[in-house]
Amino acid sequence: MAQISLWLVAGVTLCSIPAASLEEDVLYAHRGDNLRIFNLLRQLQRTPLHLCLGDRNDFKFPWNRGTITQMQKTQRTCFHHLMLLQIFHLFGAQRSLAAWDHTLLSQLLSSLHHSLEHLEQREGENRACPNVGILTRKYFQSIHNYLRRKKYSSCAWEVVRVEVTVRLLIL
C-alpha cells in the first residue's frame, strides 16, 4: 500500500512539472523571479482592501493572457522587460517611498532590478517591439495619472499595487 502511494505521489509530481525546452521561452526561466516579485507586492499591502473599494479603477490593460501567448517570442520577452521596467520606475519613484514599508520596497526594487538584468543579458539588443512599447507606456501613464488625480493617497497606491500584482500574474 505504501509503495502504491509513493508511485501516485511521484506521478502527480511528474505531471505537475511544466515541460518546456530551454530555447522555447526565456520567460519560463524567470517564473521564479516573477513569483518573488509577486509575493513582495502582496506583502506590501498596508491599507485593507475593503476600505479602498470606492477608489477602484479600470486602467484598461490592453492585453489578456491569450494575446500575450500569441505574441512572438521576441515580443513576449520585450513585453516582459517593459512591464518590469515600468513597475520598477513606478515603485522606485520618490512618491512611492512614503506609501510603503521601506524594507519590503527595497526588496521589491532589488528583485525587479535583478530580473531586469537577467532579461537584458538574455535578450541583448533584441528589444524590437514598438507597438507593445507604446501600449505599455500608455497603460502605465494611465496609472501615473490616476495616482496624481488621487493625490497619491494610500488607497490609490493600494489600488495600483493590486493592479500591478494581477498584471504580473499574466507574465
N, C-alpha and C. Protein backbone atom coordinates (compact mmCIF):
# COMPACT_ATOMS: atom_id res chain seq x y z
N MET A 1 0.82 -1.20 0.00
CA MET A 1 0.00 0.00 0.00
C MET A 1 0.86 1.25 0.00
N ALA A 2 1.91 1.26 0.83
CA ALA A 2 2.79 2.42 0.90
C ALA A 2 3.51 2.63 -0.43
N GLN A 3 3.82 1.51 -1.11
CA GLN A 3 4.51 1.59 -2.39
C GLN A 3 3.60 2.23 -3.45
N ILE A 4 2.33 1.90 -3.44
CA ILE A 4 1.37 2.48 -4.38
C ILE A 4 1.26 3.99 -4.14
N SER A 5 1.19 4.39 -2.87
CA SER A 5 1.10 5.81 -2.54
C SER A 5 2.33 6.56 -3.03
N LEU A 6 3.48 5.95 -2.88
CA LEU A 6 4.73 6.57 -3.34
C LEU A 6 4.70 6.78 -4.85
N TRP A 7 4.20 5.76 -5.59
CA TRP A 7 4.12 5.89 -7.04
C TRP A 7 3.10 6.94 -7.45
N LEU A 8 1.99 7.03 -6.73
CA LEU A 8 0.99 8.06 -7.03
C LEU A 8 1.56 9.46 -6.80
N VAL A 9 2.26 9.65 -5.71
CA VAL A 9 2.88 10.94 -5.42
C VAL A 9 3.91 11.28 -6.50
N ALA A 10 4.72 10.29 -6.89
CA ALA A 10 5.72 10.52 -7.94
C ALA A 10 5.04 10.89 -9.26
N GLY A 11 3.95 10.21 -9.58
CA GLY A 11 3.23 10.50 -10.83
C GLY A 11 2.63 11.88 -10.83
N VAL A 12 2.01 12.26 -9.72
CA VAL A 12 1.43 13.60 -9.61
C VAL A 12 2.53 14.65 -9.71
N THR A 13 3.65 14.42 -9.07
CA THR A 13 4.77 15.36 -9.12
C THR A 13 5.27 15.52 -10.54
N LEU A 14 5.47 14.42 -11.24
CA LEU A 14 5.95 14.50 -12.62
C LEU A 14 4.96 15.20 -13.53
N CYS A 15 3.69 14.95 -13.33
CA CYS A 15 2.67 15.58 -14.16
C CYS A 15 2.54 17.08 -13.89
N SER A 16 2.93 17.51 -12.71
CA SER A 16 2.78 18.92 -12.37
C SER A 16 3.98 19.75 -12.81
N ILE A 17 5.05 19.13 -13.27
CA ILE A 17 6.21 19.86 -13.74
C ILE A 17 5.97 20.27 -15.18
N PRO A 18 5.98 21.57 -15.47
CA PRO A 18 5.75 22.01 -16.85
C PRO A 18 6.88 21.54 -17.76
N ALA A 19 6.51 21.07 -18.92
CA ALA A 19 7.51 20.63 -19.89
C ALA A 19 7.76 21.75 -20.87
N ALA A 20 9.02 22.17 -20.99
CA ALA A 20 9.39 23.22 -21.94
C ALA A 20 10.85 23.08 -22.28
N SER A 21 11.16 23.34 -23.53
CA SER A 21 12.56 23.29 -23.91
C SER A 21 13.25 24.55 -23.44
N LEU A 22 14.56 24.49 -23.31
CA LEU A 22 15.30 25.67 -22.84
C LEU A 22 15.22 26.81 -23.83
N GLU A 23 15.14 26.50 -25.11
CA GLU A 23 15.10 27.55 -26.12
C GLU A 23 13.69 28.07 -26.36
N GLU A 24 12.68 27.37 -25.90
CA GLU A 24 11.32 27.74 -26.24
C GLU A 24 10.91 29.09 -25.70
N ASP A 25 11.29 29.38 -24.46
CA ASP A 25 10.80 30.62 -23.89
C ASP A 25 11.71 31.11 -22.77
N VAL A 26 12.24 32.30 -22.94
CA VAL A 26 13.09 32.91 -21.92
C VAL A 26 12.28 33.21 -20.67
N LEU A 27 11.00 33.51 -20.85
CA LEU A 27 10.16 33.91 -19.73
C LEU A 27 9.98 32.78 -18.72
N TYR A 28 10.02 31.54 -19.20
CA TYR A 28 9.88 30.41 -18.29
C TYR A 28 10.98 30.43 -17.23
N ALA A 29 12.17 30.82 -17.64
CA ALA A 29 13.30 30.87 -16.72
C ALA A 29 13.09 31.93 -15.64
N HIS A 30 12.24 32.90 -15.93
CA HIS A 30 12.03 34.00 -14.99
C HIS A 30 10.79 33.81 -14.13
N ARG A 31 10.19 32.64 -14.20
CA ARG A 31 8.99 32.38 -13.40
C ARG A 31 9.28 32.54 -11.92
N GLY A 32 10.45 32.07 -11.47
CA GLY A 32 10.83 32.20 -10.06
C GLY A 32 11.00 33.65 -9.65
N ASP A 33 11.61 34.45 -10.54
CA ASP A 33 11.75 35.89 -10.28
C ASP A 33 10.39 36.54 -10.16
N ASN A 34 9.50 36.21 -11.11
CA ASN A 34 8.15 36.79 -11.08
C ASN A 34 7.40 36.40 -9.81
N LEU A 35 7.58 35.17 -9.38
CA LEU A 35 6.92 34.71 -8.16
C LEU A 35 7.42 35.49 -6.94
N ARG A 36 8.72 35.73 -6.88
CA ARG A 36 9.28 36.51 -5.78
C ARG A 36 8.74 37.95 -5.80
N ILE A 37 8.69 38.56 -6.98
CA ILE A 37 8.16 39.91 -7.12
C ILE A 37 6.69 39.93 -6.73
N PHE A 38 5.95 38.94 -7.19
CA PHE A 38 4.53 38.82 -6.86
C PHE A 38 4.33 38.74 -5.35
N ASN A 39 5.10 37.91 -4.68
CA ASN A 39 4.98 37.76 -3.23
C ASN A 39 5.35 39.04 -2.49
N LEU A 40 6.37 39.74 -2.96
CA LEU A 40 6.74 41.01 -2.33
C LEU A 40 5.64 42.05 -2.52
N LEU A 41 5.05 42.09 -3.69
CA LEU A 41 3.93 43.01 -3.92
C LEU A 41 2.77 42.71 -2.98
N ARG A 42 2.48 41.43 -2.78
CA ARG A 42 1.41 41.05 -1.86
C ARG A 42 1.73 41.50 -0.43
N GLN A 43 3.00 41.36 -0.02
CA GLN A 43 3.41 41.72 1.32
C GLN A 43 3.37 43.24 1.56
N LEU A 44 3.44 44.01 0.50
CA LEU A 44 3.44 45.46 0.64
C LEU A 44 2.12 46.02 1.16
N GLN A 45 1.07 45.25 1.07
CA GLN A 45 -0.25 45.75 1.43
C GLN A 45 -0.24 46.41 2.80
N ARG A 46 -0.71 47.66 2.83
CA ARG A 46 -0.78 48.41 4.08
C ARG A 46 -2.21 48.78 4.44
N THR A 47 -2.99 49.07 3.42
CA THR A 47 -4.36 49.50 3.63
C THR A 47 -5.29 48.34 3.32
N PRO A 48 -6.22 48.03 4.23
CA PRO A 48 -7.17 46.95 3.95
C PRO A 48 -7.95 47.23 2.66
N LEU A 49 -8.08 46.23 1.82
CA LEU A 49 -8.71 46.40 0.51
C LEU A 49 -10.16 46.89 0.61
N HIS A 50 -10.88 46.44 1.62
CA HIS A 50 -12.28 46.83 1.72
C HIS A 50 -12.45 48.33 1.93
N LEU A 51 -11.45 49.00 2.44
CA LEU A 51 -11.51 50.45 2.63
C LEU A 51 -11.30 51.22 1.32
N CYS A 52 -10.79 50.53 0.31
CA CYS A 52 -10.42 51.18 -0.95
C CYS A 52 -11.34 50.82 -2.11
N LEU A 53 -12.45 50.18 -1.84
CA LEU A 53 -13.33 49.74 -2.92
C LEU A 53 -13.83 50.92 -3.77
N GLY A 54 -14.05 52.06 -3.15
CA GLY A 54 -14.53 53.23 -3.88
C GLY A 54 -13.46 53.84 -4.79
N ASP A 55 -12.22 53.46 -4.59
CA ASP A 55 -11.12 54.02 -5.38
C ASP A 55 -10.74 53.13 -6.57
N ARG A 56 -11.42 52.00 -6.73
CA ARG A 56 -11.07 51.10 -7.83
C ARG A 56 -11.14 51.83 -9.16
N ASN A 57 -10.33 51.35 -10.11
CA ASN A 57 -10.26 51.99 -11.41
C ASN A 57 -9.94 50.94 -12.47
N ASP A 58 -10.46 51.14 -13.66
CA ASP A 58 -10.12 50.27 -14.78
C ASP A 58 -9.02 50.97 -15.57
N PHE A 59 -7.83 50.44 -15.51
CA PHE A 59 -6.70 51.05 -16.20
C PHE A 59 -6.62 50.58 -17.66
N LYS A 60 -7.55 49.77 -18.07
CA LYS A 60 -7.66 49.30 -19.44
C LYS A 60 -6.38 48.65 -19.95
N PHE A 61 -5.99 47.59 -19.27
CA PHE A 61 -4.83 46.82 -19.68
C PHE A 61 -5.10 46.27 -21.08
N PRO A 62 -4.24 46.57 -22.05
CA PRO A 62 -4.56 46.27 -23.46
C PRO A 62 -4.38 44.81 -23.89
N TRP A 63 -4.00 43.92 -23.01
CA TRP A 63 -3.76 42.52 -23.39
C TRP A 63 -4.47 41.59 -22.43
N ASN A 64 -4.63 40.36 -22.87
CA ASN A 64 -5.04 39.29 -21.98
C ASN A 64 -4.04 38.16 -22.17
N ARG A 65 -4.18 37.13 -21.41
CA ARG A 65 -3.21 36.02 -21.47
C ARG A 65 -3.12 35.44 -22.89
N GLY A 66 -4.24 35.35 -23.58
CA GLY A 66 -4.26 34.79 -24.94
C GLY A 66 -3.45 35.63 -25.92
N THR A 67 -3.63 36.94 -25.87
CA THR A 67 -2.89 37.78 -26.82
C THR A 67 -1.40 37.78 -26.50
N ILE A 68 -1.05 37.68 -25.24
CA ILE A 68 0.37 37.62 -24.87
C ILE A 68 0.97 36.30 -25.33
N THR A 69 0.23 35.22 -25.17
CA THR A 69 0.71 33.91 -25.60
C THR A 69 0.92 33.88 -27.11
N GLN A 70 0.09 34.60 -27.85
CA GLN A 70 0.19 34.61 -29.31
C GLN A 70 1.32 35.50 -29.82
N MET A 71 1.87 36.35 -28.97
CA MET A 71 2.99 37.19 -29.39
C MET A 71 4.18 36.32 -29.78
N GLN A 72 4.99 36.84 -30.66
CA GLN A 72 6.22 36.14 -30.99
C GLN A 72 7.13 36.15 -29.77
N LYS A 73 8.06 35.21 -29.74
CA LYS A 73 8.96 35.07 -28.59
C LYS A 73 9.68 36.38 -28.28
N THR A 74 10.20 37.06 -29.30
CA THR A 74 10.93 38.31 -29.07
C THR A 74 10.02 39.38 -28.51
N GLN A 75 8.77 39.43 -28.98
CA GLN A 75 7.84 40.42 -28.45
C GLN A 75 7.46 40.12 -27.01
N ARG A 76 7.29 38.84 -26.66
CA ARG A 76 6.97 38.48 -25.27
C ARG A 76 8.10 38.87 -24.34
N THR A 77 9.33 38.61 -24.78
CA THR A 77 10.49 38.97 -23.96
C THR A 77 10.56 40.48 -23.80
N CYS A 78 10.35 41.20 -24.87
CA CYS A 78 10.35 42.66 -24.83
C CYS A 78 9.22 43.17 -23.92
N PHE A 79 8.04 42.58 -24.06
CA PHE A 79 6.89 42.96 -23.23
C PHE A 79 7.20 42.73 -21.75
N HIS A 80 7.75 41.58 -21.45
CA HIS A 80 8.12 41.25 -20.07
C HIS A 80 9.10 42.29 -19.54
N HIS A 81 10.10 42.60 -20.32
CA HIS A 81 11.11 43.59 -19.93
C HIS A 81 10.46 44.95 -19.68
N LEU A 82 9.62 45.39 -20.62
CA LEU A 82 8.96 46.69 -20.48
C LEU A 82 8.06 46.76 -19.25
N MET A 83 7.31 45.68 -19.00
CA MET A 83 6.43 45.65 -17.83
C MET A 83 7.24 45.76 -16.55
N LEU A 84 8.30 44.97 -16.43
CA LEU A 84 9.11 45.01 -15.21
C LEU A 84 9.79 46.36 -15.05
N LEU A 85 10.25 46.94 -16.16
CA LEU A 85 10.90 48.25 -16.11
C LEU A 85 9.92 49.33 -15.63
N GLN A 86 8.71 49.29 -16.16
CA GLN A 86 7.70 50.27 -15.75
C GLN A 86 7.30 50.08 -14.28
N ILE A 87 7.19 48.83 -13.84
CA ILE A 87 6.88 48.56 -12.43
C ILE A 87 8.01 49.08 -11.55
N PHE A 88 9.25 48.86 -12.00
CA PHE A 88 10.42 49.35 -11.26
C PHE A 88 10.38 50.87 -11.12
N HIS A 89 10.08 51.57 -12.22
CA HIS A 89 10.01 53.04 -12.17
C HIS A 89 8.83 53.52 -11.31
N LEU A 90 7.73 52.82 -11.38
CA LEU A 90 6.55 53.19 -10.59
C LEU A 90 6.83 53.11 -9.10
N PHE A 91 7.36 51.98 -8.66
CA PHE A 91 7.61 51.78 -7.23
C PHE A 91 8.94 52.40 -6.78
N GLY A 92 9.79 52.77 -7.72
CA GLY A 92 11.05 53.42 -7.38
C GLY A 92 10.93 54.93 -7.30
N ALA A 93 9.77 55.47 -7.66
CA ALA A 93 9.57 56.92 -7.63
C ALA A 93 9.57 57.44 -6.20
N GLN A 94 9.96 58.69 -6.05
CA GLN A 94 10.05 59.33 -4.74
C GLN A 94 8.72 59.26 -3.99
N ARG A 95 7.61 59.45 -4.71
CA ARG A 95 6.28 59.41 -4.07
C ARG A 95 5.96 58.04 -3.48
N SER A 96 6.56 57.01 -4.03
CA SER A 96 6.30 55.65 -3.57
C SER A 96 6.91 55.39 -2.20
N LEU A 97 7.99 56.07 -1.88
CA LEU A 97 8.67 55.85 -0.61
C LEU A 97 7.78 56.09 0.60
N ALA A 98 6.93 57.09 0.51
CA ALA A 98 6.06 57.42 1.63
C ALA A 98 4.92 56.42 1.80
N ALA A 99 4.62 55.68 0.75
CA ALA A 99 3.45 54.80 0.78
C ALA A 99 3.73 53.41 1.34
N TRP A 100 4.98 52.97 1.29
CA TRP A 100 5.27 51.56 1.58
C TRP A 100 6.32 51.38 2.66
N ASP A 101 6.35 50.19 3.22
CA ASP A 101 7.39 49.78 4.14
C ASP A 101 8.72 49.80 3.38
N HIS A 102 9.70 50.52 3.90
CA HIS A 102 10.96 50.73 3.18
C HIS A 102 11.74 49.44 2.96
N THR A 103 11.70 48.53 3.91
CA THR A 103 12.44 47.27 3.77
C THR A 103 11.83 46.43 2.64
N LEU A 104 10.51 46.28 2.65
CA LEU A 104 9.85 45.50 1.60
C LEU A 104 10.00 46.17 0.23
N LEU A 105 9.88 47.49 0.21
CA LEU A 105 10.04 48.22 -1.04
C LEU A 105 11.45 48.03 -1.59
N SER A 106 12.43 48.07 -0.73
CA SER A 106 13.81 47.86 -1.15
C SER A 106 14.00 46.46 -1.72
N GLN A 107 13.40 45.46 -1.07
CA GLN A 107 13.49 44.09 -1.56
C GLN A 107 12.79 43.94 -2.92
N LEU A 108 11.64 44.61 -3.06
CA LEU A 108 10.91 44.57 -4.33
C LEU A 108 11.76 45.18 -5.45
N LEU A 109 12.31 46.36 -5.20
CA LEU A 109 13.11 47.03 -6.21
C LEU A 109 14.35 46.22 -6.56
N SER A 110 14.94 45.60 -5.57
CA SER A 110 16.11 44.76 -5.80
C SER A 110 15.74 43.55 -6.67
N SER A 111 14.62 42.92 -6.38
CA SER A 111 14.16 41.77 -7.17
C SER A 111 13.84 42.19 -8.60
N LEU A 112 13.19 43.33 -8.75
CA LEU A 112 12.89 43.84 -10.10
C LEU A 112 14.17 44.11 -10.87
N HIS A 113 15.14 44.75 -10.21
CA HIS A 113 16.41 45.06 -10.85
C HIS A 113 17.13 43.78 -11.27
N HIS A 114 17.13 42.80 -10.39
CA HIS A 114 17.77 41.50 -10.68
C HIS A 114 17.12 40.84 -11.90
N SER A 115 15.81 40.83 -11.93
CA SER A 115 15.09 40.23 -13.04
C SER A 115 15.33 41.00 -14.34
N LEU A 116 15.37 42.30 -14.26
CA LEU A 116 15.65 43.12 -15.45
C LEU A 116 17.05 42.84 -15.99
N GLU A 117 18.01 42.71 -15.09
CA GLU A 117 19.38 42.40 -15.53
C GLU A 117 19.44 41.05 -16.24
N HIS A 118 18.74 40.06 -15.68
CA HIS A 118 18.71 38.74 -16.34
C HIS A 118 18.10 38.82 -17.73
N LEU A 119 17.00 39.54 -17.84
CA LEU A 119 16.36 39.68 -19.14
C LEU A 119 17.27 40.40 -20.13
N GLU A 120 17.94 41.45 -19.67
CA GLU A 120 18.83 42.20 -20.56
C GLU A 120 20.00 41.35 -21.02
N GLN A 121 20.53 40.52 -20.15
CA GLN A 121 21.62 39.63 -20.54
C GLN A 121 21.16 38.61 -21.56
N ARG A 122 19.96 38.10 -21.37
CA ARG A 122 19.45 37.05 -22.26
C ARG A 122 19.00 37.59 -23.61
N GLU A 123 18.42 38.80 -23.61
CA GLU A 123 17.86 39.29 -24.86
C GLU A 123 18.82 40.16 -25.64
N GLY A 124 19.87 40.68 -25.00
CA GLY A 124 20.84 41.51 -25.70
C GLY A 124 20.19 42.72 -26.33
N GLU A 125 20.44 42.92 -27.59
CA GLU A 125 19.88 44.07 -28.31
C GLU A 125 18.52 43.77 -28.94
N ASN A 126 18.00 42.61 -28.71
CA ASN A 126 16.77 42.17 -29.35
C ASN A 126 15.55 42.69 -28.58
N ARG A 127 15.29 43.99 -28.69
CA ARG A 127 14.16 44.60 -27.99
C ARG A 127 13.27 45.37 -28.95
N ALA A 128 13.01 44.78 -30.07
CA ALA A 128 12.21 45.46 -31.09
C ALA A 128 10.74 45.11 -30.92
N CYS A 129 10.02 45.96 -30.24
CA CYS A 129 8.56 45.77 -30.11
C CYS A 129 7.90 47.13 -29.94
N PRO A 130 7.95 47.95 -31.00
CA PRO A 130 7.44 49.32 -30.88
C PRO A 130 5.97 49.41 -30.49
N ASN A 131 5.10 48.59 -31.09
CA ASN A 131 3.68 48.66 -30.75
C ASN A 131 3.42 48.27 -29.31
N VAL A 132 4.08 47.22 -28.85
CA VAL A 132 3.93 46.78 -27.47
C VAL A 132 4.46 47.85 -26.52
N GLY A 133 5.58 48.47 -26.90
CA GLY A 133 6.17 49.52 -26.07
C GLY A 133 5.26 50.72 -25.90
N ILE A 134 4.63 51.13 -26.99
CA ILE A 134 3.72 52.28 -26.94
C ILE A 134 2.53 51.97 -26.03
N LEU A 135 1.93 50.80 -26.22
CA LEU A 135 0.77 50.43 -25.41
C LEU A 135 1.14 50.27 -23.93
N THR A 136 2.32 49.72 -23.67
CA THR A 136 2.77 49.55 -22.28
C THR A 136 2.97 50.90 -21.61
N ARG A 137 3.61 51.82 -22.31
CA ARG A 137 3.82 53.16 -21.74
C ARG A 137 2.49 53.89 -21.51
N LYS A 138 1.54 53.74 -22.43
CA LYS A 138 0.22 54.37 -22.25
C LYS A 138 -0.49 53.80 -21.02
N TYR A 139 -0.40 52.50 -20.87
CA TYR A 139 -1.03 51.84 -19.73
C TYR A 139 -0.44 52.39 -18.42
N PHE A 140 0.88 52.46 -18.32
CA PHE A 140 1.49 52.95 -17.09
C PHE A 140 1.30 54.46 -16.93
N GLN A 141 1.15 55.18 -18.03
CA GLN A 141 0.85 56.60 -17.91
C GLN A 141 -0.53 56.79 -17.29
N SER A 142 -1.48 55.91 -17.63
CA SER A 142 -2.80 56.00 -17.01
C SER A 142 -2.72 55.73 -15.50
N ILE A 143 -1.81 54.86 -15.10
CA ILE A 143 -1.61 54.60 -13.67
C ILE A 143 -1.02 55.83 -12.99
N HIS A 144 -0.02 56.44 -13.60
CA HIS A 144 0.58 57.66 -13.02
C HIS A 144 -0.45 58.78 -12.93
N ASN A 145 -1.26 58.94 -13.97
CA ASN A 145 -2.30 59.98 -13.95
C ASN A 145 -3.32 59.72 -12.84
N TYR A 146 -3.68 58.46 -12.65
CA TYR A 146 -4.62 58.09 -11.59
C TYR A 146 -4.04 58.46 -10.22
N LEU A 147 -2.79 58.11 -9.99
CA LEU A 147 -2.15 58.43 -8.70
C LEU A 147 -2.13 59.94 -8.47
N ARG A 148 -1.80 60.68 -9.52
CA ARG A 148 -1.77 62.15 -9.40
C ARG A 148 -3.16 62.69 -9.07
N ARG A 149 -4.18 62.19 -9.79
CA ARG A 149 -5.56 62.63 -9.55
C ARG A 149 -6.00 62.34 -8.11
N LYS A 150 -5.57 61.21 -7.59
CA LYS A 150 -5.95 60.80 -6.23
C LYS A 150 -4.97 61.33 -5.18
N LYS A 151 -4.05 62.19 -5.62
CA LYS A 151 -3.07 62.83 -4.73
C LYS A 151 -2.24 61.80 -3.96
N TYR A 152 -1.91 60.71 -4.63
CA TYR A 152 -1.04 59.68 -4.08
C TYR A 152 -1.53 59.16 -2.72
N SER A 153 -2.84 59.05 -2.57
CA SER A 153 -3.41 58.56 -1.31
C SER A 153 -3.05 57.10 -1.09
N SER A 154 -3.19 56.67 0.15
CA SER A 154 -2.86 55.27 0.47
C SER A 154 -3.78 54.31 -0.28
N CYS A 155 -5.04 54.67 -0.45
CA CYS A 155 -5.96 53.80 -1.20
C CYS A 155 -5.59 53.78 -2.68
N ALA A 156 -5.18 54.89 -3.23
CA ALA A 156 -4.76 54.92 -4.64
C ALA A 156 -3.56 54.00 -4.84
N TRP A 157 -2.59 54.08 -3.93
CA TRP A 157 -1.44 53.19 -4.04
C TRP A 157 -1.85 51.73 -3.89
N GLU A 158 -2.81 51.48 -3.03
CA GLU A 158 -3.27 50.11 -2.83
C GLU A 158 -3.95 49.57 -4.09
N VAL A 159 -4.76 50.40 -4.73
CA VAL A 159 -5.41 50.01 -5.98
C VAL A 159 -4.34 49.71 -7.04
N VAL A 160 -3.32 50.54 -7.12
CA VAL A 160 -2.24 50.34 -8.09
C VAL A 160 -1.45 49.07 -7.76
N ARG A 161 -1.20 48.85 -6.49
CA ARG A 161 -0.47 47.64 -6.08
C ARG A 161 -1.21 46.39 -6.53
N VAL A 162 -2.53 46.37 -6.30
CA VAL A 162 -3.35 45.22 -6.70
C VAL A 162 -3.34 45.08 -8.23
N GLU A 163 -3.50 46.18 -8.93
CA GLU A 163 -3.50 46.16 -10.40
C GLU A 163 -2.20 45.57 -10.94
N VAL A 164 -1.07 46.04 -10.44
CA VAL A 164 0.23 45.56 -10.91
C VAL A 164 0.42 44.10 -10.54
N THR A 165 -0.02 43.71 -9.37
CA THR A 165 0.09 42.32 -8.94
C THR A 165 -0.69 41.40 -9.87
N VAL A 166 -1.90 41.79 -10.20
CA VAL A 166 -2.74 40.98 -11.10
C VAL A 166 -2.09 40.90 -12.48
N ARG A 167 -1.58 42.01 -12.98
CA ARG A 167 -0.96 42.01 -14.32
C ARG A 167 0.32 41.19 -14.35
N LEU A 168 1.01 41.17 -13.24
CA LEU A 168 2.24 40.38 -13.17
C LEU A 168 1.93 38.89 -13.31
N LEU A 169 0.75 38.49 -12.87
CA LEU A 169 0.35 37.09 -12.97
C LEU A 169 0.30 36.60 -14.42
N ILE A 170 -0.07 37.47 -15.35
CA ILE A 170 -0.16 37.01 -16.74
C ILE A 170 1.20 36.92 -17.41
N LEU A 171 2.22 37.47 -16.77
CA LEU A 171 3.56 37.31 -17.32
C LEU A 171 4.03 35.90 -17.07
